[in-house]
Protein backbone atom coordinates (compact mmCIF):
# COMPACT_ATOMS: atom_id res chain seq x y z
CA MET A 1 0.00 0.00 0.00
CA GLU A 2 1.34 3.42 -0.97
CA ARG A 3 1.34 6.05 1.75
CA VAL A 4 0.59 9.62 0.69
CA GLN A 5 0.75 12.74 2.84
CA VAL A 6 -1.51 15.61 1.85
CA GLU A 7 -1.74 19.09 3.35
CA VAL A 8 -5.38 20.07 3.74
CA ARG A 9 -6.65 23.62 4.16
CA ASN A 10 -10.08 25.26 4.08
CA LEU A 11 -12.10 22.16 4.80
CA PRO A 12 -15.81 22.33 3.98
CA VAL A 13 -17.92 21.35 6.97
CA THR A 14 -21.57 20.35 6.79
CA ASN A 15 -23.94 18.00 8.53
CA SER A 16 -25.81 17.38 5.28
CA GLY A 17 -24.73 14.69 2.86
CA GLU A 18 -26.82 16.35 0.15
CA ALA A 19 -24.89 19.59 0.62
CA MET A 20 -21.60 17.68 0.41
CA LEU A 21 -22.38 15.88 -2.86
CA PRO A 22 -21.56 18.79 -5.22
CA LEU A 23 -18.24 19.29 -3.41
CA LEU A 24 -17.40 15.61 -3.72
CA ARG A 25 -18.28 15.59 -7.42
CA ALA A 26 -16.13 18.67 -7.96
CA GLY A 27 -13.19 16.88 -6.34
CA VAL A 28 -12.68 19.44 -3.58
CA ALA A 29 -13.80 17.36 -0.59
CA VAL A 30 -13.57 13.96 1.07
CA ALA A 31 -16.49 12.61 3.07
CA LEU A 32 -17.93 9.61 4.83
CA VAL A 33 -21.48 9.33 3.49
CA PRO A 34 -23.98 6.47 3.28
CA ASP A 35 -23.48 4.23 0.23
CA VAL A 36 -27.10 4.73 -0.73
CA MET A 37 -26.36 8.44 -1.36
CA ILE A 38 -23.48 7.77 -3.75
CA ARG A 39 -24.38 4.38 -5.25
CA ASP A 40 -25.13 5.86 -8.69
CA ASP A 41 -22.00 8.06 -8.63
CA LEU A 42 -19.86 5.03 -7.79
CA ALA A 43 -21.44 3.03 -10.62
CA ARG A 44 -20.82 5.88 -13.11
CA GLY A 45 -17.27 6.45 -11.84
CA THR A 46 -18.11 10.03 -10.84
CA LEU A 47 -16.92 9.19 -7.32
CA VAL A 48 -14.49 6.54 -6.08
CA HIS A 49 -13.77 4.96 -2.71
CA ILE A 50 -10.40 6.24 -1.50
CA LEU A 51 -10.27 4.05 1.61
CA PRO A 52 -11.87 0.74 0.60
CA GLY A 53 -12.87 -1.40 3.53
CA SER A 54 -13.13 1.51 5.93
CA GLY A 55 -16.29 3.10 7.18
CA LEU A 56 -19.01 2.63 9.71
CA ARG A 57 -20.58 -0.65 10.68
CA PRO A 58 -24.03 -1.28 9.22
CA ALA A 59 -26.79 -0.03 11.50
CA GLY A 60 -30.41 -1.02 11.82
CA LEU A 61 -33.34 1.20 11.00
CA HIS A 62 -36.49 0.56 13.01
CA LEU A 63 -39.79 2.03 11.90
CA VAL A 64 -42.65 1.82 14.37
CA THR A 65 -46.29 1.94 13.35
CA PRO A 66 -49.47 1.05 15.24
CA THR A 67 -50.29 -2.67 15.17
CA SER A 68 -54.03 -2.17 14.94
CA GLY A 69 -56.22 -0.32 12.51
CA PRO A 70 -55.63 0.41 8.85
CA ARG A 71 -52.24 1.74 7.78
CA PRO A 72 -52.49 4.90 5.65
CA SER A 73 -51.30 4.34 2.07
CA ARG A 74 -48.73 7.14 2.43
CA VAL A 75 -47.11 5.26 5.34
CA THR A 76 -47.02 2.05 3.29
CA ALA A 77 -45.51 3.99 0.39
CA VAL A 78 -42.71 5.35 2.60
CA LEU A 79 -42.00 1.91 4.09
CA ASP A 80 -41.85 0.36 0.61
CA PHE A 81 -39.59 3.15 -0.67
CA LEU A 82 -37.17 2.79 2.24
CA ALA A 83 -37.05 -0.98 1.85
CA ARG A 84 -36.20 -0.64 -1.86
CA THR A 85 -33.73 2.22 -1.42
CA LEU A 86 -31.84 1.12 1.67
CA THR A 87 -31.49 -2.55 0.79
CA SER A 88 -27.93 -3.41 -0.19
CA PRO A 89 -27.54 -4.33 -3.87
């Protein structure tokens, strides 16, 4: 493995992955963001992993809804969307 030392100045700071995406695509930032946010960019080659194998451990997402009564269609739509979007390829 090649070791590279880089001097970094004027770091962008944000708590929004969406705000960081344009900076990442422009090549002026490095970030740890959820794979789901950059999956398409990785597939296109717009972004690349610079530290493969590093990152956060997978975490669970728990959605709680009432057990009785009808579930509104908008809630079902959100649950279905999250299941499709957040499922690993």
